[in-house]
N, C-alpha and C. Protein backbone atom coordinates (compact mmCIF):
# COMPACT_ATOMS: atom_id res chain seq x y z
N MET A 1 126.91 88.91 55.37
CA MET A 1 125.82 89.73 55.84
C MET A 1 124.50 89.21 55.31
N SER A 2 123.46 89.48 56.06
CA SER A 2 122.17 88.92 55.68
C SER A 2 121.55 89.69 54.53
N GLU A 3 120.74 88.95 53.77
CA GLU A 3 119.98 89.57 52.69
C GLU A 3 118.62 88.91 52.66
N SER A 4 117.57 89.69 52.58
CA SER A 4 116.22 89.14 52.55
C SER A 4 115.41 89.85 51.49
N ARG A 5 114.54 89.08 50.84
CA ARG A 5 113.66 89.66 49.84
C ARG A 5 112.24 89.82 50.40
N GLU A 6 112.11 89.79 51.70
CA GLU A 6 110.82 89.99 52.35
C GLU A 6 110.96 91.07 53.41
N LEU A 7 109.84 91.74 53.71
CA LEU A 7 109.82 92.72 54.78
C LEU A 7 109.99 92.01 56.12
N ARG A 8 110.96 92.45 56.90
CA ARG A 8 111.15 91.91 58.26
C ARG A 8 110.38 92.80 59.22
N ARG A 9 109.30 92.25 59.75
CA ARG A 9 108.39 93.03 60.59
C ARG A 9 108.83 93.08 62.06
N PHE A 10 109.57 92.08 62.50
CA PHE A 10 109.87 91.91 63.91
C PHE A 10 108.54 91.87 64.67
N ASP A 11 108.41 92.62 65.77
CA ASP A 11 107.13 92.68 66.50
C ASP A 11 106.40 93.99 66.24
N PHE A 12 106.86 94.75 65.24
CA PHE A 12 106.20 96.00 64.89
C PHE A 12 104.95 95.70 64.06
N GLU A 13 104.11 96.72 63.91
CA GLU A 13 102.86 96.55 63.17
C GLU A 13 102.78 97.59 62.05
N PRO A 14 103.43 97.33 60.93
CA PRO A 14 103.44 98.30 59.83
C PRO A 14 102.07 98.43 59.18
N ALA A 15 101.74 99.65 58.80
CA ALA A 15 100.47 99.93 58.12
C ALA A 15 100.68 99.94 56.62
N TYR A 16 101.37 98.93 56.13
CA TYR A 16 101.66 98.81 54.71
C TYR A 16 102.16 97.40 54.42
N ALA A 17 102.13 97.04 53.16
CA ALA A 17 102.76 95.81 52.69
C ALA A 17 103.86 96.19 51.71
N VAL A 18 104.81 95.30 51.52
CA VAL A 18 105.96 95.57 50.66
C VAL A 18 106.23 94.36 49.77
N GLU A 19 106.56 94.63 48.53
CA GLU A 19 107.06 93.61 47.63
C GLU A 19 108.49 94.01 47.26
N VAL A 20 109.43 93.18 47.63
CA VAL A 20 110.84 93.47 47.38
C VAL A 20 111.25 92.89 46.03
N GLU A 21 111.90 93.72 45.23
CA GLU A 21 112.33 93.34 43.89
C GLU A 21 111.17 92.77 43.07
N PRO A 22 110.11 93.55 42.88
CA PRO A 22 108.99 93.09 42.05
C PRO A 22 109.44 92.91 40.60
N GLU A 23 108.74 92.08 39.89
CA GLU A 23 109.07 91.85 38.49
C GLU A 23 108.89 93.14 37.69
N TYR A 24 109.90 93.46 36.91
CA TYR A 24 109.84 94.68 36.11
C TYR A 24 108.76 94.54 35.04
N PRO A 25 107.87 95.52 34.95
CA PRO A 25 106.77 95.40 33.99
C PRO A 25 107.28 95.38 32.54
N ALA A 26 106.67 94.50 31.75
CA ALA A 26 107.10 94.36 30.35
C ALA A 26 106.90 95.65 29.57
N THR A 27 105.92 96.44 29.99
CA THR A 27 105.64 97.71 29.30
C THR A 27 106.59 98.82 29.72
N GLY A 28 107.33 98.59 30.82
CA GLY A 28 108.20 99.64 31.36
C GLY A 28 107.46 100.64 32.21
N ASP A 29 106.16 100.42 32.41
CA ASP A 29 105.33 101.35 33.18
C ASP A 29 104.85 100.64 34.45
N TRP A 30 105.24 101.19 35.62
CA TRP A 30 104.87 100.59 36.89
C TRP A 30 103.40 100.84 37.24
N SER A 31 102.74 101.72 36.52
CA SER A 31 101.33 102.06 36.76
C SER A 31 101.11 102.66 38.15
N CYS A 32 102.13 103.30 38.66
CA CYS A 32 102.02 104.02 39.93
C CYS A 32 103.23 104.96 40.02
N PRO A 33 103.22 105.92 40.94
CA PRO A 33 104.38 106.82 41.06
C PRO A 33 105.66 106.06 41.41
N VAL A 34 106.77 106.53 40.86
CA VAL A 34 108.08 105.94 41.12
C VAL A 34 109.00 107.00 41.71
N PHE A 35 109.67 106.66 42.82
CA PHE A 35 110.56 107.60 43.50
C PHE A 35 111.95 106.96 43.61
N ALA A 36 112.95 107.67 43.11
CA ALA A 36 114.34 107.22 43.22
C ALA A 36 115.01 108.03 44.33
N PHE A 37 115.56 107.33 45.33
CA PHE A 37 116.17 107.99 46.48
C PHE A 37 117.69 107.95 46.35
N ASP A 38 118.32 109.13 46.37
CA ASP A 38 119.76 109.23 46.26
C ASP A 38 120.41 108.77 47.56
N ARG A 39 121.74 108.69 47.56
CA ARG A 39 122.47 108.27 48.77
C ARG A 39 122.32 109.26 49.92
N ASP A 40 121.87 110.49 49.62
CA ASP A 40 121.63 111.46 50.69
C ASP A 40 120.14 111.59 51.02
N GLY A 41 119.31 110.70 50.46
CA GLY A 41 117.89 110.69 50.76
C GLY A 41 117.02 111.52 49.85
N ARG A 42 117.64 112.36 49.01
CA ARG A 42 116.85 113.20 48.11
C ARG A 42 116.17 112.34 47.04
N VAL A 43 114.99 112.80 46.62
CA VAL A 43 114.33 112.17 45.48
C VAL A 43 114.93 112.74 44.21
N ILE A 44 115.43 111.88 43.34
CA ILE A 44 116.10 112.29 42.11
C ILE A 44 115.49 111.56 40.92
N ASP A 45 115.99 111.85 39.75
CA ASP A 45 115.43 111.24 38.54
C ASP A 45 115.76 109.76 38.43
N GLU A 46 116.95 109.38 38.87
CA GLU A 46 117.36 107.98 38.77
C GLU A 46 118.28 107.66 39.93
N ALA A 47 118.08 106.48 40.56
CA ALA A 47 118.87 106.11 41.73
C ALA A 47 120.35 105.95 41.37
N ASP A 48 121.21 106.32 42.32
CA ASP A 48 122.66 106.22 42.15
C ASP A 48 123.09 104.76 42.04
N ARG A 49 123.87 104.45 41.02
CA ARG A 49 124.38 103.09 40.84
C ARG A 49 125.87 103.02 41.11
N GLY A 50 126.41 103.99 41.82
CA GLY A 50 127.85 104.05 42.04
C GLY A 50 128.42 102.84 42.74
N PHE A 51 127.65 102.25 43.68
CA PHE A 51 128.14 101.09 44.43
C PHE A 51 127.34 99.83 44.11
N GLY A 52 126.54 99.85 43.08
CA GLY A 52 125.74 98.67 42.75
C GLY A 52 124.33 99.07 42.35
N MET A 53 123.57 98.08 41.95
CA MET A 53 122.20 98.32 41.51
C MET A 53 121.33 98.76 42.69
N PRO A 54 120.40 99.68 42.45
CA PRO A 54 119.51 100.09 43.54
C PRO A 54 118.53 98.98 43.90
N ARG A 55 118.03 99.02 45.11
CA ARG A 55 117.00 98.09 45.56
C ARG A 55 115.64 98.63 45.14
N VAL A 56 114.84 97.80 44.48
CA VAL A 56 113.52 98.19 44.00
C VAL A 56 112.47 97.61 44.93
N ILE A 57 111.54 98.46 45.37
CA ILE A 57 110.52 98.03 46.33
C ILE A 57 109.17 98.62 45.93
N ARG A 58 108.16 97.77 45.91
CA ARG A 58 106.80 98.26 45.72
C ARG A 58 106.15 98.36 47.10
N VAL A 59 105.64 99.55 47.43
CA VAL A 59 105.06 99.81 48.74
C VAL A 59 103.56 100.01 48.59
N MET A 60 102.80 99.30 49.40
CA MET A 60 101.33 99.35 49.35
C MET A 60 100.79 99.77 50.70
N PRO A 61 100.66 101.09 50.95
CA PRO A 61 100.13 101.57 52.23
C PRO A 61 98.69 101.08 52.45
N THR A 62 98.36 100.84 53.69
CA THR A 62 97.01 100.39 54.02
C THR A 62 95.97 101.42 53.64
N ASP A 63 96.27 102.69 53.86
CA ASP A 63 95.31 103.76 53.60
C ASP A 63 95.85 104.78 52.60
N GLY A 64 96.51 104.32 51.57
CA GLY A 64 97.07 105.26 50.59
C GLY A 64 97.38 104.57 49.29
N ALA A 65 97.85 105.36 48.34
CA ALA A 65 98.17 104.84 47.01
C ALA A 65 99.54 104.15 47.02
N GLU A 66 99.66 103.09 46.25
CA GLU A 66 100.93 102.38 46.20
C GLU A 66 101.94 103.16 45.37
N TRP A 67 103.21 102.87 45.59
CA TRP A 67 104.29 103.51 44.86
C TRP A 67 105.48 102.57 44.80
N VAL A 68 106.40 102.88 43.92
CA VAL A 68 107.62 102.09 43.77
C VAL A 68 108.80 102.96 44.17
N GLY A 69 109.71 102.40 44.96
CA GLY A 69 110.91 103.12 45.38
C GLY A 69 112.16 102.45 44.87
N LEU A 70 113.12 103.26 44.42
CA LEU A 70 114.44 102.78 44.02
C LEU A 70 115.45 103.39 44.99
N PHE A 71 116.06 102.53 45.80
CA PHE A 71 116.95 103.00 46.87
C PHE A 71 118.40 102.73 46.50
N SER A 72 119.22 103.78 46.57
CA SER A 72 120.63 103.67 46.20
C SER A 72 121.39 102.75 47.15
N SER A 73 122.48 102.21 46.66
CA SER A 73 123.26 101.23 47.39
C SER A 73 124.42 101.85 48.14
N GLY A 74 124.78 101.21 49.26
CA GLY A 74 125.98 101.58 49.98
C GLY A 74 127.14 100.72 49.52
N LEU A 75 128.15 100.55 50.38
CA LEU A 75 129.32 99.73 50.04
C LEU A 75 128.95 98.26 50.08
N PRO A 76 129.42 97.47 49.11
CA PRO A 76 129.06 96.05 49.05
C PRO A 76 129.53 95.28 50.30
N GLY A 77 128.76 94.22 50.61
CA GLY A 77 129.20 93.29 51.64
C GLY A 77 128.71 93.59 53.03
N ARG A 78 127.71 94.48 53.17
CA ARG A 78 127.20 94.78 54.50
C ARG A 78 125.73 94.39 54.57
N GLU A 79 125.05 94.77 55.67
CA GLU A 79 123.66 94.39 55.86
C GLU A 79 122.80 94.84 54.69
N ASP A 80 121.83 94.02 54.35
CA ASP A 80 120.98 94.31 53.21
C ASP A 80 119.59 93.76 53.52
N GLY A 81 118.58 94.62 53.53
CA GLY A 81 117.23 94.14 53.80
C GLY A 81 116.23 95.28 53.91
N VAL A 82 114.96 94.90 54.06
CA VAL A 82 113.87 95.85 54.19
C VAL A 82 113.19 95.56 55.53
N PHE A 83 113.05 96.59 56.36
CA PHE A 83 112.63 96.40 57.74
C PHE A 83 111.49 97.35 58.11
N ALA A 84 110.53 96.84 58.87
CA ALA A 84 109.50 97.71 59.43
C ALA A 84 110.13 98.55 60.53
N GLY A 85 109.68 99.79 60.64
CA GLY A 85 110.13 100.65 61.72
C GLY A 85 109.17 100.59 62.89
N PRO A 86 109.53 101.21 64.00
CA PRO A 86 108.64 101.21 65.17
C PRO A 86 107.30 101.90 64.90
N GLY A 87 107.31 102.95 64.07
CA GLY A 87 106.07 103.63 63.72
C GLY A 87 105.35 102.89 62.60
N PRO A 88 104.03 102.88 62.60
CA PRO A 88 103.29 102.11 61.59
C PRO A 88 103.53 102.56 60.16
N GLY A 89 103.96 103.81 59.97
CA GLY A 89 104.23 104.31 58.62
C GLY A 89 105.70 104.42 58.30
N GLN A 90 106.57 103.86 59.13
CA GLN A 90 108.02 103.92 58.89
C GLN A 90 108.50 102.70 58.13
N LEU A 91 109.31 102.94 57.12
CA LEU A 91 109.94 101.86 56.37
C LEU A 91 111.43 102.11 56.37
N CYS A 92 112.21 101.13 56.79
CA CYS A 92 113.67 101.24 56.82
C CYS A 92 114.24 100.32 55.76
N VAL A 93 114.96 100.90 54.81
CA VAL A 93 115.56 100.14 53.72
C VAL A 93 117.08 100.23 53.86
N VAL A 94 117.72 99.08 53.94
CA VAL A 94 119.18 99.02 54.05
C VAL A 94 119.72 98.32 52.81
N VAL A 95 120.51 99.04 52.03
CA VAL A 95 121.09 98.47 50.81
C VAL A 95 122.61 98.52 50.95
N ASN A 96 123.21 97.34 51.13
CA ASN A 96 124.66 97.27 51.32
C ASN A 96 125.14 98.25 52.39
N GLY A 97 124.44 98.25 53.52
CA GLY A 97 124.87 99.04 54.66
C GLY A 97 124.34 100.45 54.74
N LEU A 98 123.75 100.97 53.67
CA LEU A 98 123.20 102.33 53.68
C LEU A 98 121.74 102.26 54.12
N ALA A 99 121.44 102.82 55.29
CA ALA A 99 120.10 102.75 55.87
C ALA A 99 119.35 104.05 55.66
N GLN A 100 118.19 103.94 55.02
CA GLN A 100 117.32 105.10 54.82
C GLN A 100 115.93 104.79 55.38
N VAL A 101 115.34 105.77 56.01
CA VAL A 101 113.99 105.63 56.56
C VAL A 101 113.07 106.58 55.80
N VAL A 102 111.93 106.04 55.35
CA VAL A 102 110.98 106.84 54.59
C VAL A 102 109.59 106.68 55.19
N ALA A 103 108.81 107.75 55.16
CA ALA A 103 107.40 107.69 55.57
C ALA A 103 106.61 107.18 54.37
N VAL A 104 105.91 106.08 54.52
CA VAL A 104 105.27 105.45 53.36
C VAL A 104 104.17 106.31 52.76
N ASP A 105 103.62 107.24 53.53
CA ASP A 105 102.57 108.10 52.98
C ASP A 105 103.12 109.42 52.44
N GLU A 106 104.45 109.61 52.52
CA GLU A 106 105.06 110.83 52.01
C GLU A 106 106.37 110.55 51.28
N PRO A 107 106.39 109.66 50.32
CA PRO A 107 107.66 109.34 49.65
C PRO A 107 108.25 110.52 48.90
N ALA A 108 107.41 111.42 48.44
CA ALA A 108 107.92 112.58 47.69
C ALA A 108 108.77 113.50 48.56
N ALA A 109 108.62 113.40 49.89
CA ALA A 109 109.41 114.22 50.81
C ALA A 109 110.84 113.73 50.93
N GLY A 110 111.12 112.56 50.36
CA GLY A 110 112.47 112.00 50.45
C GLY A 110 112.64 111.09 51.65
N ALA A 111 113.80 110.50 51.74
CA ALA A 111 114.13 109.60 52.84
C ALA A 111 115.14 110.27 53.76
N VAL A 112 115.23 109.77 54.97
CA VAL A 112 116.23 110.23 55.93
C VAL A 112 117.34 109.18 55.98
N VAL A 113 118.56 109.60 55.65
CA VAL A 113 119.70 108.69 55.76
C VAL A 113 120.07 108.61 57.23
N VAL A 114 119.85 107.45 57.80
CA VAL A 114 120.04 107.28 59.24
C VAL A 114 121.45 106.84 59.57
N CYS A 115 122.02 105.99 58.74
CA CYS A 115 123.31 105.41 59.09
C CYS A 115 123.93 104.79 57.85
N GLU A 116 125.26 104.73 57.83
CA GLU A 116 125.98 104.01 56.79
C GLU A 116 126.81 102.91 57.43
N LEU A 117 127.26 101.99 56.62
CA LEU A 117 128.10 100.88 57.08
C LEU A 117 127.39 100.01 58.12
N VAL A 118 126.09 99.82 57.94
CA VAL A 118 125.30 99.01 58.86
C VAL A 118 125.61 97.53 58.63
N ASN A 119 125.88 96.81 59.72
CA ASN A 119 126.19 95.39 59.64
C ASN A 119 125.15 94.51 60.31
N GLN A 120 124.24 95.13 61.07
CA GLN A 120 123.25 94.36 61.81
C GLN A 120 122.06 95.27 62.09
N VAL A 121 120.85 94.71 62.00
CA VAL A 121 119.62 95.45 62.33
C VAL A 121 118.86 94.63 63.37
N VAL A 122 118.58 95.26 64.53
CA VAL A 122 118.03 94.51 65.66
C VAL A 122 116.91 95.32 66.32
N PRO A 123 115.74 94.71 66.56
CA PRO A 123 114.70 95.40 67.33
C PRO A 123 115.01 95.32 68.82
N VAL A 124 114.52 96.28 69.58
CA VAL A 124 114.68 96.26 71.03
C VAL A 124 113.39 95.74 71.64
N ALA A 125 113.42 94.58 72.22
CA ALA A 125 112.22 93.97 72.80
C ALA A 125 111.67 94.84 73.93
N GLY A 126 110.37 95.09 73.87
CA GLY A 126 109.73 95.87 74.92
C GLY A 126 109.90 97.36 74.76
N ALA A 127 110.46 97.80 73.64
CA ALA A 127 110.64 99.23 73.39
C ALA A 127 110.42 99.48 71.91
N ALA A 128 109.93 100.66 71.58
CA ALA A 128 109.68 101.02 70.18
C ALA A 128 110.96 101.56 69.56
N LEU A 129 111.95 100.68 69.40
CA LEU A 129 113.25 101.06 68.88
C LEU A 129 113.77 100.00 67.91
N LEU A 130 114.40 100.47 66.85
CA LEU A 130 115.08 99.61 65.89
C LEU A 130 116.54 100.03 65.87
N LEU A 131 117.45 99.10 66.17
CA LEU A 131 118.87 99.40 66.24
C LEU A 131 119.57 99.14 64.91
N LEU A 132 120.37 100.11 64.49
CA LEU A 132 121.25 99.95 63.34
C LEU A 132 122.67 99.89 63.89
N VAL A 133 123.35 98.80 63.62
CA VAL A 133 124.63 98.51 64.26
C VAL A 133 125.75 98.58 63.22
N THR A 134 126.77 99.39 63.49
CA THR A 134 127.99 99.40 62.68
C THR A 134 129.06 98.64 63.46
N TYR A 135 130.29 98.63 62.95
CA TYR A 135 131.37 97.95 63.66
C TYR A 135 131.80 98.69 64.92
N THR A 136 131.35 99.95 65.07
CA THR A 136 131.84 100.75 66.20
C THR A 136 130.76 101.42 67.04
N ASP A 137 129.55 101.59 66.51
CA ASP A 137 128.54 102.33 67.27
C ASP A 137 127.13 101.88 66.91
N LEU A 138 126.15 102.50 67.59
CA LEU A 138 124.74 102.16 67.42
C LEU A 138 123.93 103.41 67.10
N VAL A 139 122.89 103.23 66.30
CA VAL A 139 121.90 104.27 66.07
C VAL A 139 120.53 103.63 66.33
N ALA A 140 119.69 104.30 67.12
CA ALA A 140 118.37 103.79 67.43
C ALA A 140 117.30 104.62 66.73
N VAL A 141 116.46 103.96 65.95
CA VAL A 141 115.33 104.62 65.30
C VAL A 141 114.10 104.42 66.18
N GLY A 142 113.44 105.53 66.51
CA GLY A 142 112.23 105.47 67.32
C GLY A 142 111.01 105.87 66.52
N LEU A 143 109.92 106.13 67.19
CA LEU A 143 108.66 106.44 66.53
C LEU A 143 108.74 107.70 65.69
N ARG A 144 109.59 108.64 66.06
CA ARG A 144 109.68 109.93 65.36
C ARG A 144 111.01 110.11 64.64
N GLY A 145 111.66 109.03 64.31
CA GLY A 145 112.95 109.13 63.64
C GLY A 145 114.06 108.68 64.56
N VAL A 146 115.24 109.25 64.40
CA VAL A 146 116.39 108.84 65.22
C VAL A 146 116.15 109.24 66.67
N ALA A 147 116.15 108.26 67.56
CA ALA A 147 115.94 108.50 68.98
C ALA A 147 117.24 108.87 69.67
N TRP A 148 118.32 108.19 69.29
CA TRP A 148 119.64 108.51 69.83
C TRP A 148 120.73 107.87 68.97
N GLU A 149 121.93 108.42 69.09
CA GLU A 149 123.13 107.87 68.48
C GLU A 149 124.15 107.70 69.59
N SER A 150 124.73 106.54 69.68
CA SER A 150 125.72 106.31 70.73
C SER A 150 127.04 106.98 70.37
N ALA A 151 127.89 107.13 71.38
CA ALA A 151 129.29 107.48 71.12
C ALA A 151 129.97 106.23 70.56
N ARG A 152 131.22 106.35 70.17
CA ARG A 152 131.95 105.17 69.70
C ARG A 152 132.07 104.20 70.86
N LEU A 153 131.60 102.98 70.63
CA LEU A 153 131.56 101.98 71.69
C LEU A 153 132.66 100.94 71.58
N ALA A 154 133.24 100.81 70.40
CA ALA A 154 134.19 99.72 70.19
C ALA A 154 135.28 100.14 69.23
N LEU A 155 136.41 99.47 69.35
CA LEU A 155 137.49 99.65 68.39
C LEU A 155 137.07 99.07 67.04
N ASP A 156 136.40 97.91 67.09
CA ASP A 156 135.94 97.23 65.89
C ASP A 156 135.10 96.03 66.33
N GLY A 157 134.41 95.42 65.38
CA GLY A 157 133.73 94.16 65.65
C GLY A 157 132.51 94.24 66.55
N LEU A 158 131.88 95.39 66.63
CA LEU A 158 130.71 95.53 67.50
C LEU A 158 129.58 94.62 67.03
N ARG A 159 128.95 93.94 67.96
CA ARG A 159 127.85 93.03 67.68
C ARG A 159 126.85 93.09 68.82
N VAL A 160 125.57 93.21 68.51
CA VAL A 160 124.52 93.16 69.53
C VAL A 160 124.12 91.70 69.73
N GLU A 161 124.24 91.23 70.95
CA GLU A 161 123.89 89.85 71.27
C GLU A 161 122.43 89.72 71.68
N SER A 162 121.90 90.72 72.37
CA SER A 162 120.50 90.75 72.76
C SER A 162 120.13 92.19 73.06
N ALA A 163 118.85 92.51 72.89
CA ALA A 163 118.41 93.89 73.10
C ALA A 163 117.00 93.89 73.66
N SER A 164 116.84 94.53 74.81
CA SER A 164 115.53 94.69 75.43
C SER A 164 115.50 96.05 76.11
N ALA A 165 114.34 96.43 76.62
CA ALA A 165 114.22 97.70 77.31
C ALA A 165 115.14 97.76 78.53
N ALA A 166 115.52 96.61 79.05
CA ALA A 166 116.41 96.56 80.23
C ALA A 166 117.86 96.86 79.87
N GLY A 167 118.22 96.70 78.61
CA GLY A 167 119.59 96.97 78.20
C GLY A 167 119.96 96.27 76.90
N ILE A 168 120.97 96.78 76.24
CA ILE A 168 121.46 96.23 74.99
C ILE A 168 122.82 95.58 75.27
N ARG A 169 122.87 94.27 75.15
CA ARG A 169 124.10 93.55 75.46
C ARG A 169 124.92 93.37 74.18
N CYS A 170 126.17 93.80 74.26
CA CYS A 170 127.03 93.81 73.08
C CYS A 170 128.35 93.10 73.36
N THR A 171 128.99 92.68 72.27
CA THR A 171 130.37 92.23 72.32
C THR A 171 131.14 93.00 71.26
N ALA A 172 132.45 93.07 71.43
CA ALA A 172 133.30 93.78 70.47
C ALA A 172 134.74 93.39 70.69
N ASP A 173 135.58 93.69 69.71
CA ASP A 173 137.01 93.48 69.88
C ASP A 173 137.52 94.32 71.03
N SER A 174 138.43 93.79 71.79
CA SER A 174 138.98 94.50 72.93
C SER A 174 139.80 95.71 72.50
N TRP A 175 139.72 96.77 73.29
CA TRP A 175 140.55 97.95 73.04
C TRP A 175 142.03 97.65 73.24
N GLN A 176 142.33 96.52 73.89
CA GLN A 176 143.73 96.16 74.12
C GLN A 176 144.40 95.63 72.85
N MET A 177 143.60 95.34 71.81
CA MET A 177 144.12 94.84 70.53
C MET A 177 144.99 93.59 70.73
N ASP A 178 144.52 92.68 71.60
CA ASP A 178 145.27 91.45 71.88
C ASP A 178 144.53 90.22 71.38
N GLY A 179 143.53 90.42 70.51
CA GLY A 179 142.79 89.28 69.97
C GLY A 179 141.62 88.83 70.82
N SER A 180 141.43 89.47 71.97
CA SER A 180 140.32 89.10 72.83
C SER A 180 139.10 89.96 72.52
N THR A 181 137.97 89.57 73.07
CA THR A 181 136.74 90.36 72.94
C THR A 181 136.28 90.78 74.32
N GLU A 182 135.42 91.76 74.36
CA GLU A 182 134.85 92.20 75.63
C GLU A 182 133.35 92.35 75.48
N SER A 183 132.65 92.32 76.59
CA SER A 183 131.21 92.48 76.58
C SER A 183 130.83 93.70 77.40
N PHE A 184 129.71 94.32 77.05
CA PHE A 184 129.25 95.49 77.79
C PHE A 184 127.77 95.70 77.52
N VAL A 185 127.16 96.59 78.30
CA VAL A 185 125.73 96.87 78.19
C VAL A 185 125.55 98.35 77.86
N VAL A 186 124.62 98.63 76.96
CA VAL A 186 124.27 99.99 76.57
C VAL A 186 122.83 100.24 76.99
N ALA A 187 122.56 101.42 77.54
CA ALA A 187 121.20 101.76 77.98
C ALA A 187 120.28 101.90 76.77
N ALA A 188 119.17 101.19 76.78
CA ALA A 188 118.24 101.22 75.64
C ALA A 188 117.57 102.58 75.50
N ALA A 189 117.37 103.28 76.58
CA ALA A 189 116.66 104.56 76.53
C ALA A 189 117.51 105.70 76.00
N THR A 190 118.84 105.61 76.18
CA THR A 190 119.71 106.75 75.87
C THR A 190 120.89 106.43 74.97
N GLY A 191 121.28 105.16 74.89
CA GLY A 191 122.47 104.81 74.13
C GLY A 191 123.76 104.99 74.90
N GLU A 192 123.65 105.31 76.18
CA GLU A 192 124.85 105.52 77.01
C GLU A 192 125.45 104.19 77.42
N LEU A 193 126.78 104.16 77.45
CA LEU A 193 127.50 102.95 77.85
C LEU A 193 127.31 102.71 79.32
N GLY A 194 126.95 101.48 79.67
CA GLY A 194 126.81 101.11 81.06
C GLY A 194 127.98 100.26 81.51
N SER A 195 127.68 99.10 82.07
CA SER A 195 128.73 98.25 82.62
C SER A 195 129.49 97.51 81.53
N ARG A 196 130.77 97.34 81.76
CA ARG A 196 131.62 96.53 80.89
C ARG A 196 132.00 95.25 81.60
N GLY A 197 131.94 94.14 80.86
CA GLY A 197 132.37 92.87 81.43
C GLY A 197 133.84 92.65 81.18
N GLY A 198 134.33 91.53 81.60
CA GLY A 198 135.74 91.21 81.40
C GLY A 198 136.01 90.76 79.98
N ALA A 199 137.26 90.79 79.61
CA ALA A 199 137.67 90.34 78.28
C ALA A 199 137.74 88.82 78.26
N CYS A 200 137.53 88.25 77.08
CA CYS A 200 137.66 86.82 76.92
C CYS A 200 138.41 86.54 75.64
N THR A 201 139.20 85.51 75.63
CA THR A 201 140.00 85.17 74.45
C THR A 201 139.11 84.56 73.38
N SER A 202 139.23 85.06 72.17
CA SER A 202 138.41 84.54 71.07
C SER A 202 139.07 83.36 70.40
């Protein structure tokens, strides 16, 4: 799974800058507010270390005071990164598959846990949507939070091959459990399953 120490902006225009894993101050004082986000999005005294070390991020809003966030970890071995959301004040942090979205100007309000077991994060070209992909389904984050959640689309192995306003093209393990894969299209506006292609041997 991918891991990045930089903010992935895609084609969005975030109204903030981010420093991922900033150097811990020698004094122990970050000189700005610090917010620890639990696995359920609540702000707590210290981030949960049950599945690994929390991700530390310094956030510098364009029109606000900077702050430091400690985001709890999901299960090891899944998607890991910091992503701009479709809205200019949205920040999506994925730590070992646990995806949380926070408003950069309201960190004290907590984060919204959007999805767990995320394996892929993909923007939708031509639409204000960020896709969070698990092995079986999709969640789309829009300008105001979660825009839609798909039904279960795959037995396993779901992967987005391309995503645009015209449709989200996916592949996944076949429901026939014969080692083949199948392709299909999901509507970008609703998350509804559209056409399915034929199976192909992997």
